[in-house]
Amino acid sequence: MAASASNAALRPELWRKQLFADVKDNLYMNRFIGTTEQSMIQELEDLKKEAGSNISFGLGMKLSGAGIAGDTTLEGSEEAMTDYDEDVAINQLRHAVVPPGRWTRKRMLTT
């Protein structure tokens, strides 16, 4: 009887769920992400403390005029401020899959 070998590339591998968290903590972009207003990319933590599905915040644009140099009177040279608001809504995106049979479910990695 001839011995058969299975293809190692086709065998399923198990990966720890912790892997993504480990990689995420070491990403180059993480140095720019923070919770302070000085952070280049701001992580908003409001919804970790309170229930909700939206975060609204204001965006104040820089003044665009030339400005007034020295001790020249400012009255009459005022600029209008431009403010915008942004609304970030969170939600979840889900998918459902029905595997074809019990043996297939046994072989699949489920999360």
PDB file of N, CA and C in Angstrom:
ATOM      1  N   MET A   1       0.846  -1.171   0.000  1.00  0.00           N
ATOM      2  CA  MET A   1       0.000   0.000   0.000  1.00  0.00           C
ATOM      3  C   MET A   1       0.898   1.243   0.000  1.00  0.00           C
ATOM      4  N   ALA A   2       0.588   2.196  -0.858  1.00  0.00           N
ATOM      5  CA  ALA A   2       1.387   3.414  -0.962  1.00  0.00           C
ATOM      6  C   ALA A   2       0.980   4.408   0.116  1.00  0.00           C
ATOM      7  N   ALA A   3       1.974   5.060   0.678  1.00  0.00           N
ATOM      8  CA  ALA A   3       1.701   6.075   1.707  1.00  0.00           C
ATOM      9  C   ALA A   3       1.408   7.405   1.025  1.00  0.00           C
ATOM     10  N   SER A   4       0.413   8.085   1.499  1.00  0.00           N
ATOM     11  CA  SER A   4       0.061   9.401   0.957  1.00  0.00           C
ATOM     12  C   SER A   4       0.410  10.472   1.964  1.00  0.00           C
ATOM     13  N   ALA A   5       0.911  11.563   1.459  1.00  0.00           N
ATOM     14  CA  ALA A   5       1.231  12.704   2.331  1.00  0.00           C
ATOM     15  C   ALA A   5       0.275  13.842   1.999  1.00  0.00           C
ATOM     16  N   SER A   6      -0.169  14.526   3.013  1.00  0.00           N
ATOM     17  CA  SER A   6      -1.061  15.665   2.758  1.00  0.00           C
ATOM     18  C   SER A   6      -0.238  16.903   2.458  1.00  0.00           C
ATOM     19  N   ASN A   7      -0.820  17.787   1.715  1.00  0.00           N
ATOM     20  CA  ASN A   7      -0.164  19.037   1.332  1.00  0.00           C
ATOM     21  C   ASN A   7      -0.146  19.985   2.528  1.00  0.00           C
ATOM     22  N   ALA A   8       1.037  20.300   3.033  1.00  0.00           N
ATOM     23  CA  ALA A   8       1.167  21.154   4.225  1.00  0.00           C
ATOM     24  C   ALA A   8       0.585  22.551   3.993  1.00  0.00           C
ATOM     25  N   ALA A   9       0.634  23.037   2.764  1.00  0.00           N
ATOM     26  CA  ALA A   9       0.117  24.382   2.478  1.00  0.00           C
ATOM     27  C   ALA A   9      -1.397  24.451   2.586  1.00  0.00           C
ATOM     28  N   LEU A  10      -2.063  23.304   2.514  1.00  0.00           N
ATOM     29  CA  LEU A  10      -3.520  23.281   2.575  1.00  0.00           C
ATOM     30  C   LEU A  10      -4.050  23.002   3.975  1.00  0.00           C
ATOM     31  N   ARG A  11      -3.172  22.715   4.912  1.00  0.00           N
ATOM     32  CA  ARG A  11      -3.609  22.458   6.282  1.00  0.00           C
ATOM     33  C   ARG A  11      -3.952  23.774   6.969  1.00  0.00           C
ATOM     34  N   PRO A  12      -5.053  23.822   7.698  1.00  0.00           N
ATOM     35  CA  PRO A  12      -5.399  25.069   8.398  1.00  0.00           C
ATOM     36  C   PRO A  12      -4.418  25.339   9.534  1.00  0.00           C
ATOM     37  N   GLU A  13      -4.173  26.597   9.779  1.00  0.00           N
ATOM     38  CA  GLU A  13      -3.324  27.009  10.888  1.00  0.00           C
ATOM     39  C   GLU A  13      -4.155  27.806  11.870  1.00  0.00           C
ATOM     40  N   LEU A  14      -3.829  27.709  13.110  1.00  0.00           N
ATOM     41  CA  LEU A  14      -4.513  28.481  14.132  1.00  0.00           C
ATOM     42  C   LEU A  14      -3.678  29.702  14.484  1.00  0.00           C
ATOM     43  N   TRP A  15      -4.306  30.850  14.556  1.00  0.00           N
ATOM     44  CA  TRP A  15      -3.644  32.090  14.937  1.00  0.00           C
ATOM     45  C   TRP A  15      -4.318  32.620  16.184  1.00  0.00           C
ATOM     46  N   ARG A  16      -3.549  33.119  17.079  1.00  0.00           N
ATOM     47  CA  ARG A  16      -4.116  33.674  18.295  1.00  0.00           C
ATOM     48  C   ARG A  16      -4.875  34.951  17.976  1.00  0.00           C
ATOM     49  N   LYS A  17      -5.975  35.151  18.653  1.00  0.00           N
ATOM     50  CA  LYS A  17      -6.746  36.370  18.470  1.00  0.00           C
ATOM     51  C   LYS A  17      -5.977  37.581  18.979  1.00  0.00           C
ATOM     52  N   GLN A  18      -5.020  37.354  19.850  1.00  0.00           N
ATOM     53  CA  GLN A  18      -4.227  38.431  20.425  1.00  0.00           C
ATOM     54  C   GLN A  18      -3.282  39.051  19.392  1.00  0.00           C
ATOM     55  N   LEU A  19      -3.020  38.363  18.287  1.00  0.00           N
ATOM     56  CA  LEU A  19      -2.053  38.833  17.308  1.00  0.00           C
ATOM     57  C   LEU A  19      -2.357  40.241  16.827  1.00  0.00           C
ATOM     58  N   PHE A  20      -3.605  40.524  16.443  1.00  0.00           N
ATOM     59  CA  PHE A  20      -3.931  41.850  15.932  1.00  0.00           C
ATOM     60  C   PHE A  20      -3.641  42.927  16.965  1.00  0.00           C
ATOM     61  N   ALA A  21      -3.986  42.682  18.210  1.00  0.00           N
ATOM     62  CA  ALA A  21      -3.738  43.670  19.254  1.00  0.00           C
ATOM     63  C   ALA A  21      -2.243  43.911  19.413  1.00  0.00           C
ATOM     64  N   ASP A  22      -1.439  42.856  19.338  1.00  0.00           N
ATOM     65  CA  ASP A  22       0.011  43.013  19.445  1.00  0.00           C
ATOM     66  C   ASP A  22       0.562  43.837  18.286  1.00  0.00           C
ATOM     67  N   VAL A  23       0.107  43.554  17.074  1.00  0.00           N
ATOM     68  CA  VAL A  23       0.574  44.284  15.902  1.00  0.00           C
ATOM     69  C   VAL A  23       0.083  45.725  15.955  1.00  0.00           C
ATOM     70  N   LYS A  24      -1.171  45.922  16.300  1.00  0.00           N
ATOM     71  CA  LYS A  24      -1.747  47.260  16.359  1.00  0.00           C
ATOM     72  C   LYS A  24      -0.962  48.170  17.303  1.00  0.00           C
ATOM     73  N   ASP A  25      -0.495  47.616  18.405  1.00  0.00           N
ATOM     74  CA  ASP A  25       0.248  48.423  19.377  1.00  0.00           C
ATOM     75  C   ASP A  25       1.609  48.859  18.855  1.00  0.00           C
ATOM     76  N   ASN A  26       2.135  48.179  17.838  1.00  0.00           N
ATOM     77  CA  ASN A  26       3.465  48.477  17.328  1.00  0.00           C
ATOM     78  C   ASN A  26       3.459  49.158  15.957  1.00  0.00           C
ATOM     79  N   LEU A  27       2.310  49.588  15.487  1.00  0.00           N
ATOM     80  CA  LEU A  27       2.235  50.238  14.184  1.00  0.00           C
ATOM     81  C   LEU A  27       2.933  51.596  14.205  1.00  0.00           C
ATOM     82  N   TYR A  28       3.525  51.959  13.090  1.00  0.00           N
ATOM     83  CA  TYR A  28       4.205  53.252  12.964  1.00  0.00           C
ATOM     84  C   TYR A  28       3.253  54.415  13.211  1.00  0.00           C
ATOM     85  N   MET A  29       2.018  54.297  12.724  1.00  0.00           N
ATOM     86  CA  MET A  29       1.047  55.391  12.840  1.00  0.00           C
ATOM     87  C   MET A  29       0.651  55.684  14.287  1.00  0.00           C
ATOM     88  N   ASN A  30       0.866  54.728  15.190  1.00  0.00           N
ATOM     89  CA  ASN A  30       0.456  54.929  16.579  1.00  0.00           C
ATOM     90  C   ASN A  30       1.118  56.133  17.223  1.00  0.00           C
ATOM     91  N   ARG A  31       2.288  56.530  16.744  1.00  0.00           N
ATOM     92  CA  ARG A  31       2.951  57.691  17.337  1.00  0.00           C
ATOM     93  C   ARG A  31       2.190  58.987  17.066  1.00  0.00           C
ATOM     94  N   PHE A  32       1.280  58.963  16.101  1.00  0.00           N
ATOM     95  CA  PHE A  32       0.501  60.156  15.771  1.00  0.00           C
ATOM     96  C   PHE A  32      -0.890  60.139  16.393  1.00  0.00           C
ATOM     97  N   ILE A  33      -1.288  59.023  17.000  1.00  0.00           N
ATOM     98  CA  ILE A  33      -2.626  58.875  17.561  1.00  0.00           C
ATOM     99  C   ILE A  33      -2.585  59.136  19.056  1.00  0.00           C
ATOM    100  N   GLY A  34      -3.508  59.960  19.533  1.00  0.00           N
ATOM    101  CA  GLY A  34      -3.582  60.237  20.961  1.00  0.00           C
ATOM    102  C   GLY A  34      -4.946  60.773  21.328  1.00  0.00           C
ATOM    103  N   THR A  35      -5.143  61.002  22.597  1.00  0.00           N
ATOM    104  CA  THR A  35      -6.444  61.481  23.073  1.00  0.00           C
ATOM    105  C   THR A  35      -6.429  62.970  23.400  1.00  0.00           C
ATOM    106  N   THR A  36      -5.300  63.635  23.235  1.00  0.00           N
ATOM    107  CA  THR A  36      -5.228  65.071  23.540  1.00  0.00           C
ATOM    108  C   THR A  36      -5.486  65.900  22.291  1.00  0.00           C
ATOM    109  N   GLU A  37      -5.774  67.168  22.485  1.00  0.00           N
ATOM    110  CA  GLU A  37      -6.017  68.060  21.355  1.00  0.00           C
ATOM    111  C   GLU A  37      -4.748  68.313  20.542  1.00  0.00           C
ATOM    112  N   GLN A  38      -3.586  68.027  21.108  1.00  0.00           N
ATOM    113  CA  GLN A  38      -2.328  68.213  20.403  1.00  0.00           C
ATOM    114  C   GLN A  38      -1.977  67.028  19.500  1.00  0.00           C
ATOM    115  N   SER A  39      -2.717  65.946  19.590  1.00  0.00           N
ATOM    116  CA  SER A  39      -2.441  64.759  18.774  1.00  0.00           C
ATOM    117  C   SER A  39      -2.818  65.013  17.322  1.00  0.00           C
ATOM    118  N   MET A  40      -1.975  64.536  16.405  1.00  0.00           N
ATOM    119  CA  MET A  40      -2.259  64.705  14.984  1.00  0.00           C
ATOM    120  C   MET A  40      -3.534  63.954  14.600  1.00  0.00           C
ATOM    121  N   ILE A  41      -3.690  62.745  15.110  1.00  0.00           N
ATOM    122  CA  ILE A  41      -4.905  61.956  14.918  1.00  0.00           C
ATOM    123  C   ILE A  41      -5.517  61.780  16.294  1.00  0.00           C
ATOM    124  N   GLN A  42      -6.699  62.337  16.483  1.00  0.00           N
ATOM    125  CA  GLN A  42      -7.330  62.321  17.796  1.00  0.00           C
ATOM    126  C   GLN A  42      -8.253  61.126  17.956  1.00  0.00           C
ATOM    127  N   GLU A  43      -8.028  60.348  18.984  1.00  0.00           N
ATOM    128  CA  GLU A  43      -8.904  59.229  19.315  1.00  0.00           C
ATOM    129  C   GLU A  43      -9.949  59.752  20.299  1.00  0.00           C
ATOM    130  N   LEU A  44     -11.197  59.765  19.864  1.00  0.00           N
ATOM    131  CA  LEU A  44     -12.269  60.275  20.703  1.00  0.00           C
ATOM    132  C   LEU A  44     -12.773  59.157  21.608  1.00  0.00           C
ATOM    133  N   GLU A  45     -12.750  59.403  22.901  1.00  0.00           N
ATOM    134  CA  GLU A  45     -13.128  58.376  23.864  1.00  0.00           C
ATOM    135  C   GLU A  45     -14.462  58.670  24.555  1.00  0.00           C
ATOM    136  N   ASP A  46     -15.201  59.626  24.043  1.00  0.00           N
ATOM    137  CA  ASP A  46     -16.458  60.026  24.669  1.00  0.00           C
ATOM    138  C   ASP A  46     -17.419  58.854  24.845  1.00  0.00           C
ATOM    139  N   LEU A  47     -17.509  57.993  23.827  1.00  0.00           N
ATOM    140  CA  LEU A  47     -18.482  56.905  23.870  1.00  0.00           C
ATOM    141  C   LEU A  47     -18.015  55.729  24.724  1.00  0.00           C
ATOM    142  N   LYS A  48     -16.789  55.781  25.219  1.00  0.00           N
ATOM    143  CA  LYS A  48     -16.347  54.769  26.176  1.00  0.00           C
ATOM    144  C   LYS A  48     -16.898  55.087  27.562  1.00  0.00           C
ATOM    145  N   LYS A  49     -17.188  56.366  27.799  1.00  0.00           N
ATOM    146  CA  LYS A  49     -17.655  56.803  29.109  1.00  0.00           C
ATOM    147  C   LYS A  49     -19.168  56.963  29.171  1.00  0.00           C
ATOM    148  N   GLU A  50     -19.781  57.270  28.034  1.00  0.00           N
ATOM    149  CA  GLU A  50     -21.226  57.504  27.997  1.00  0.00           C
ATOM    150  C   GLU A  50     -21.836  56.741  26.832  1.00  0.00           C
ATOM    151  N   ALA A  51     -23.102  56.404  26.955  1.00  0.00           N
ATOM    152  CA  ALA A  51     -23.805  55.700  25.883  1.00  0.00           C
ATOM    153  C   ALA A  51     -24.105  56.661  24.743  1.00  0.00           C
ATOM    154  N   GLY A  52     -24.115  56.163  23.545  1.00  0.00           N
ATOM    155  CA  GLY A  52     -24.449  56.982  22.383  1.00  0.00           C
ATOM    156  C   GLY A  52     -23.939  56.327  21.122  1.00  0.00           C
ATOM    157  N   SER A  53     -24.312  56.915  19.975  1.00  0.00           N
ATOM    158  CA  SER A  53     -23.855  56.375  18.698  1.00  0.00           C
ATOM    159  C   SER A  53     -23.284  57.461  17.791  1.00  0.00           C
ATOM    160  N   ASN A  54     -23.274  58.709  18.251  1.00  0.00           N
ATOM    161  CA  ASN A  54     -22.732  59.815  17.464  1.00  0.00           C
ATOM    162  C   ASN A  54     -21.850  60.693  18.341  1.00  0.00           C
ATOM    163  N   ILE A  55     -20.829  61.265  17.720  1.00  0.00           N
ATOM    164  CA  ILE A  55     -20.018  62.292  18.370  1.00  0.00           C
ATOM    165  C   ILE A  55     -20.008  63.485  17.427  1.00  0.00           C
ATOM    166  N   SER A  56     -20.413  64.639  17.910  1.00  0.00           N
ATOM    167  CA  SER A  56     -20.392  65.868  17.119  1.00  0.00           C
ATOM    168  C   SER A  56     -19.337  66.796  17.707  1.00  0.00           C
ATOM    169  N   PHE A  57     -18.574  67.428  16.829  1.00  0.00           N
ATOM    170  CA  PHE A  57     -17.564  68.364  17.306  1.00  0.00           C
ATOM    171  C   PHE A  57     -17.424  69.500  16.307  1.00  0.00           C
ATOM    172  N   GLY A  58     -16.912  70.631  16.785  1.00  0.00           N
ATOM    173  CA  GLY A  58     -16.760  71.818  15.960  1.00  0.00           C
ATOM    174  C   GLY A  58     -15.385  71.901  15.338  1.00  0.00           C
ATOM    175  N   LEU A  59     -15.336  72.507  14.163  1.00  0.00           N
ATOM    176  CA  LEU A  59     -14.079  72.749  13.461  1.00  0.00           C
ATOM    177  C   LEU A  59     -13.974  74.244  13.199  1.00  0.00           C
ATOM    178  N   GLY A  60     -13.017  74.901  13.822  1.00  0.00           N
ATOM    179  CA  GLY A  60     -12.810  76.331  13.611  1.00  0.00           C
ATOM    180  C   GLY A  60     -11.698  76.549  12.600  1.00  0.00           C
ATOM    181  N   MET A  61     -11.989  77.258  11.527  1.00  0.00           N
ATOM    182  CA  MET A  61     -11.002  77.487  10.479  1.00  0.00           C
ATOM    183  C   MET A  61     -10.068  78.627  10.882  1.00  0.00           C
ATOM    184  N   LYS A  62      -8.851  78.597  10.354  1.00  0.00           N
ATOM    185  CA  LYS A  62      -7.898  79.674  10.606  1.00  0.00           C
ATOM    186  C   LYS A  62      -8.396  80.948   9.930  1.00  0.00           C
ATOM    187  N   LEU A  63      -8.043  82.080  10.523  1.00  0.00           N
ATOM    188  CA  LEU A  63      -8.405  83.354   9.905  1.00  0.00           C
ATOM    189  C   LEU A  63      -7.605  83.513   8.620  1.00  0.00           C
ATOM    190  N   SER A  64      -8.212  84.114   7.593  1.00  0.00           N
ATOM    191  CA  SER A  64      -7.578  84.151   6.274  1.00  0.00           C
ATOM    192  C   SER A  64      -7.067  85.529   5.866  1.00  0.00           C
ATOM    193  N   GLY A  65      -7.379  86.554   6.633  1.00  0.00           N
ATOM    194  CA  GLY A  65      -6.942  87.902   6.257  1.00  0.00           C
ATOM    195  C   GLY A  65      -5.453  88.117   6.479  1.00  0.00           C
ATOM    196  N   ALA A  66      -4.971  89.283   6.032  1.00  0.00           N
ATOM    197  CA  ALA A  66      -3.549  89.607   6.139  1.00  0.00           C
ATOM    198  C   ALA A  66      -3.166  89.980   7.562  1.00  0.00           C
ATOM    199  N   GLY A  67      -4.126  90.418   8.367  1.00  0.00           N
ATOM    200  CA  GLY A  67      -3.812  90.841   9.728  1.00  0.00           C
ATOM    201  C   GLY A  67      -3.363  92.306   9.755  1.00  0.00           C
ATOM    202  N   ILE A  68      -3.245  92.865  10.948  1.00  0.00           N
ATOM    203  CA  ILE A  68      -2.855  94.265  11.129  1.00  0.00           C
ATOM    204  C   ILE A  68      -1.520  94.295  11.863  1.00  0.00           C
ATOM    205  N   ALA A  69      -0.559  94.925  11.277  1.00  0.00           N
ATOM    206  CA  ALA A  69       0.780  94.989  11.872  1.00  0.00           C
ATOM    207  C   ALA A  69       0.884  96.161  12.845  1.00  0.00           C
ATOM    208  N   GLY A  70       1.706  95.985  13.861  1.00  0.00           N
ATOM    209  CA  GLY A  70       2.031  97.065  14.790  1.00  0.00           C
ATOM    210  C   GLY A  70       0.859  97.516  15.628  1.00  0.00           C
ATOM    211  N   ASP A  71       0.861  98.817  15.933  1.00  0.00           N
ATOM    212  CA  ASP A  71      -0.150  99.411  16.806  1.00  0.00           C
ATOM    213  C   ASP A  71      -1.324 100.001  16.037  1.00  0.00           C
ATOM    214  N   THR A  72      -1.482  99.642  14.787  1.00  0.00           N
ATOM    215  CA  THR A  72      -2.583 100.154  13.986  1.00  0.00           C
ATOM    216  C   THR A  72      -3.904  99.722  14.611  1.00  0.00           C
ATOM    217  N   THR A  73      -4.907 100.585  14.537  1.00  0.00           N
ATOM    218  CA  THR A  73      -6.218 100.301  15.105  1.00  0.00           C
ATOM    219  C   THR A  73      -6.849  99.090  14.415  1.00  0.00           C
ATOM    220  N   LEU A  74      -7.375  98.203  15.245  1.00  0.00           N
ATOM    221  CA  LEU A  74      -8.016  96.989  14.720  1.00  0.00           C
ATOM    222  C   LEU A  74      -9.478  97.217  14.373  1.00  0.00           C
ATOM    223  N   GLU A  75     -10.099  98.201  15.003  1.00  0.00           N
ATOM    224  CA  GLU A  75     -11.517  98.437  14.785  1.00  0.00           C
ATOM    225  C   GLU A  75     -11.790  98.725  13.314  1.00  0.00           C
ATOM    226  N   GLY A  76     -12.754  98.009  12.755  1.00  0.00           N
ATOM    227  CA  GLY A  76     -13.105  98.160  11.350  1.00  0.00           C
ATOM    228  C   GLY A  76     -12.370  97.163  10.458  1.00  0.00           C
ATOM    229  N   SER A  77     -11.403  96.437  11.010  1.00  0.00           N
ATOM    230  CA  SER A  77     -10.649  95.447  10.226  1.00  0.00           C
ATOM    231  C   SER A  77     -10.917  94.023  10.696  1.00  0.00           C
ATOM    232  N   GLU A  78     -12.026  93.834  11.408  1.00  0.00           N
ATOM    233  CA  GLU A  78     -12.332  92.512  11.938  1.00  0.00           C
ATOM    234  C   GLU A  78     -12.679  91.531  10.815  1.00  0.00           C
ATOM    235  N   GLU A  79     -12.428  90.254  11.082  1.00  0.00           N
ATOM    236  CA  GLU A  79     -12.779  89.190  10.144  1.00  0.00           C
ATOM    237  C   GLU A  79     -13.907  88.357  10.730  1.00  0.00           C
ATOM    238  N   ALA A  80     -14.688  87.769   9.862  1.00  0.00           N
ATOM    239  CA  ALA A  80     -15.721  86.837  10.314  1.00  0.00           C
ATOM    240  C   ALA A  80     -15.068  85.475  10.522  1.00  0.00           C
ATOM    241  N   MET A  81     -15.416  84.844  11.627  1.00  0.00           N
ATOM    242  CA  MET A  81     -14.899  83.503  11.888  1.00  0.00           C
ATOM    243  C   MET A  81     -15.738  82.491  11.112  1.00  0.00           C
ATOM    244  N   THR A  82     -15.099  81.461  10.626  1.00  0.00           N
ATOM    245  CA  THR A  82     -15.794  80.395   9.906  1.00  0.00           C
ATOM    246  C   THR A  82     -15.706  79.132  10.747  1.00  0.00           C
ATOM    247  N   ASP A  83     -16.847  78.604  11.115  1.00  0.00           N
ATOM    248  CA  ASP A  83     -16.912  77.390  11.910  1.00  0.00           C
ATOM    249  C   ASP A  83     -17.748  76.350  11.180  1.00  0.00           C
ATOM    250  N   TYR A  84     -17.313  75.128  11.272  1.00  0.00           N
ATOM    251  CA  TYR A  84     -18.059  74.000  10.727  1.00  0.00           C
ATOM    252  C   TYR A  84     -18.285  73.000  11.853  1.00  0.00           C
ATOM    253  N   ASP A  85     -19.194  72.094  11.619  1.00  0.00           N
ATOM    254  CA  ASP A  85     -19.370  71.011  12.581  1.00  0.00           C
ATOM    255  C   ASP A  85     -19.281  69.693  11.847  1.00  0.00           C
ATOM    256  N   GLU A  86     -18.819  68.702  12.555  1.00  0.00           N
ATOM    257  CA  GLU A  86     -18.680  67.360  11.991  1.00  0.00           C
ATOM    258  C   GLU A  86     -19.391  66.387  12.911  1.00  0.00           C
ATOM    259  N   ASP A  87     -20.084  65.454  12.333  1.00  0.00           N
ATOM    260  CA  ASP A  87     -20.800  64.445  13.093  1.00  0.00           C
ATOM    261  C   ASP A  87     -20.264  63.080  12.682  1.00  0.00           C
ATOM    262  N   VAL A  88     -19.737  62.341  13.633  1.00  0.00           N
ATOM    263  CA  VAL A  88     -19.210  61.002  13.375  1.00  0.00           C
ATOM    264  C   VAL A  88     -20.169  60.001  14.006  1.00  0.00           C
ATOM    265  N   ALA A  89     -20.717  59.134  13.184  1.00  0.00           N
ATOM    266  CA  ALA A  89     -21.652  58.119  13.671  1.00  0.00           C
ATOM    267  C   ALA A  89     -20.956  56.767  13.653  1.00  0.00           C
ATOM    268  N   ILE A  90     -21.149  56.004  14.707  1.00  0.00           N
ATOM    269  CA  ILE A  90     -20.586  54.662  14.737  1.00  0.00           C
ATOM    270  C   ILE A  90     -21.713  53.654  14.548  1.00  0.00           C
ATOM    271  N   ASN A  91     -21.351  52.541  13.999  1.00  0.00           N
ATOM    272  CA  ASN A  91     -22.308  51.474  13.772  1.00  0.00           C
ATOM    273  C   ASN A  91     -21.509  50.194  13.642  1.00  0.00           C
ATOM    274  N   GLN A  92     -22.156  49.127  13.400  1.00  0.00           N
ATOM    275  CA  GLN A  92     -21.455  47.876  13.172  1.00  0.00           C
ATOM    276  C   GLN A  92     -21.845  47.326  11.813  1.00  0.00           C
ATOM    277  N   LEU A  93     -20.929  46.636  11.192  1.00  0.00           N
ATOM    278  CA  LEU A  93     -21.174  45.967   9.922  1.00  0.00           C
ATOM    279  C   LEU A  93     -20.965  44.487  10.178  1.00  0.00           C
ATOM    280  N   ARG A  94     -21.976  43.696   9.898  1.00  0.00           N
ATOM    281  CA  ARG A  94     -21.890  42.273  10.214  1.00  0.00           C
ATOM    282  C   ARG A  94     -22.205  41.447   8.975  1.00  0.00           C
ATOM    283  N   HIS A  95     -21.659  40.250   8.948  1.00  0.00           N
ATOM    284  CA  HIS A  95     -21.932  39.288   7.887  1.00  0.00           C
ATOM    285  C   HIS A  95     -22.302  37.955   8.535  1.00  0.00           C
ATOM    286  N   ALA A  96     -23.115  37.210   7.881  1.00  0.00           N
ATOM    287  CA  ALA A  96     -23.466  35.878   8.364  1.00  0.00           C
ATOM    288  C   ALA A  96     -23.116  34.860   7.285  1.00  0.00           C
ATOM    289  N   VAL A  97     -22.632  33.710   7.733  1.00  0.00           N
ATOM    290  CA  VAL A  97     -22.271  32.630   6.820  1.00  0.00           C
ATOM    291  C   VAL A  97     -22.824  31.331   7.382  1.00  0.00           C
ATOM    292  N   VAL A  98     -23.369  30.501   6.523  1.00  0.00           N
ATOM    293  CA  VAL A  98     -23.841  29.188   6.944  1.00  0.00           C
ATOM    294  C   VAL A  98     -22.918  28.157   6.310  1.00  0.00           C
ATOM    295  N   PRO A  99     -22.082  27.497   7.122  1.00  0.00           N
ATOM    296  CA  PRO A  99     -21.198  26.475   6.559  1.00  0.00           C
ATOM    297  C   PRO A  99     -22.005  25.276   6.087  1.00  0.00           C
ATOM    298  N   PRO A 100     -21.490  24.538   5.108  1.00  0.00           N
ATOM    299  CA  PRO A 100     -22.272  23.464   4.513  1.00  0.00           C
ATOM    300  C   PRO A 100     -22.519  22.251   5.396  1.00  0.00           C
ATOM    301  N   GLY A 101     -21.707  21.996   6.385  1.00  0.00           N
ATOM    302  CA  GLY A 101     -21.939  20.797   7.183  1.00  0.00           C
ATOM    303  C   GLY A 101     -21.132  20.784   8.463  1.00  0.00           C
ATOM    304  N   ARG A 102     -21.375  19.759   9.286  1.00  0.00           N
ATOM    305  CA  ARG A 102     -20.744  19.659  10.597  1.00  0.00           C
ATOM    306  C   ARG A 102     -19.226  19.539  10.477  1.00  0.00           C
ATOM    307  N   TRP A 103     -18.732  18.746   9.541  1.00  0.00           N
ATOM    308  CA  TRP A 103     -17.295  18.567   9.397  1.00  0.00           C
ATOM    309  C   TRP A 103     -16.626  19.875   8.960  1.00  0.00           C
ATOM    310  N   THR A 104     -17.271  20.607   8.087  1.00  0.00           N
ATOM    311  CA  THR A 104     -16.737  21.899   7.659  1.00  0.00           C
ATOM    312  C   THR A 104     -16.656  22.850   8.844  1.00  0.00           C
ATOM    313  N   ARG A 105     -17.694  22.863   9.693  1.00  0.00           N
ATOM    314  CA  ARG A 105     -17.671  23.725  10.884  1.00  0.00           C
ATOM    315  C   ARG A 105     -16.520  23.335  11.807  1.00  0.00           C
ATOM    316  N   LYS A 106     -16.243  22.073  11.904  1.00  0.00           N
ATOM    317  CA  LYS A 106     -15.163  21.578  12.768  1.00  0.00           C
ATOM    318  C   LYS A 106     -13.812  22.083  12.280  1.00  0.00           C
ATOM    319  N   ARG A 107     -13.650  22.164  10.971  1.00  0.00           N
ATOM    320  CA  ARG A 107     -12.362  22.581  10.392  1.00  0.00           C
ATOM    321  C   ARG A 107     -12.199  24.087  10.333  1.00  0.00           C
ATOM    322  N   MET A 108     -13.289  24.841  10.414  1.00  0.00           N
ATOM    323  CA  MET A 108     -13.227  26.299  10.274  1.00  0.00           C
ATOM    324  C   MET A 108     -12.780  26.959  11.567  1.00  0.00           C
ATOM    325  N   LEU A 109     -12.046  28.059  11.418  1.00  0.00           N
ATOM    326  CA  LEU A 109     -11.660  28.865  12.568  1.00  0.00           C
ATOM    327  C   LEU A 109     -12.806  29.821  12.838  1.00  0.00           C
ATOM    328  N   THR A 110     -13.407  29.732  13.999  1.00  0.00           N
ATOM    329  CA  THR A 110     -14.518  30.618  14.337  1.00  0.00           C
ATOM    330  C   THR A 110     -14.049  31.626  15.360  1.00  0.00           C
ATOM    331  N   THR A 111     -14.574  32.825  15.237  1.00  0.00           N
ATOM    332  CA  THR A 111     -14.207  33.886  16.174  1.00  0.00           C
ATOM    333  C   THR A 111     -15.368  34.231  17.041  1.00  0.00           C
TER     334      THR A 111
END
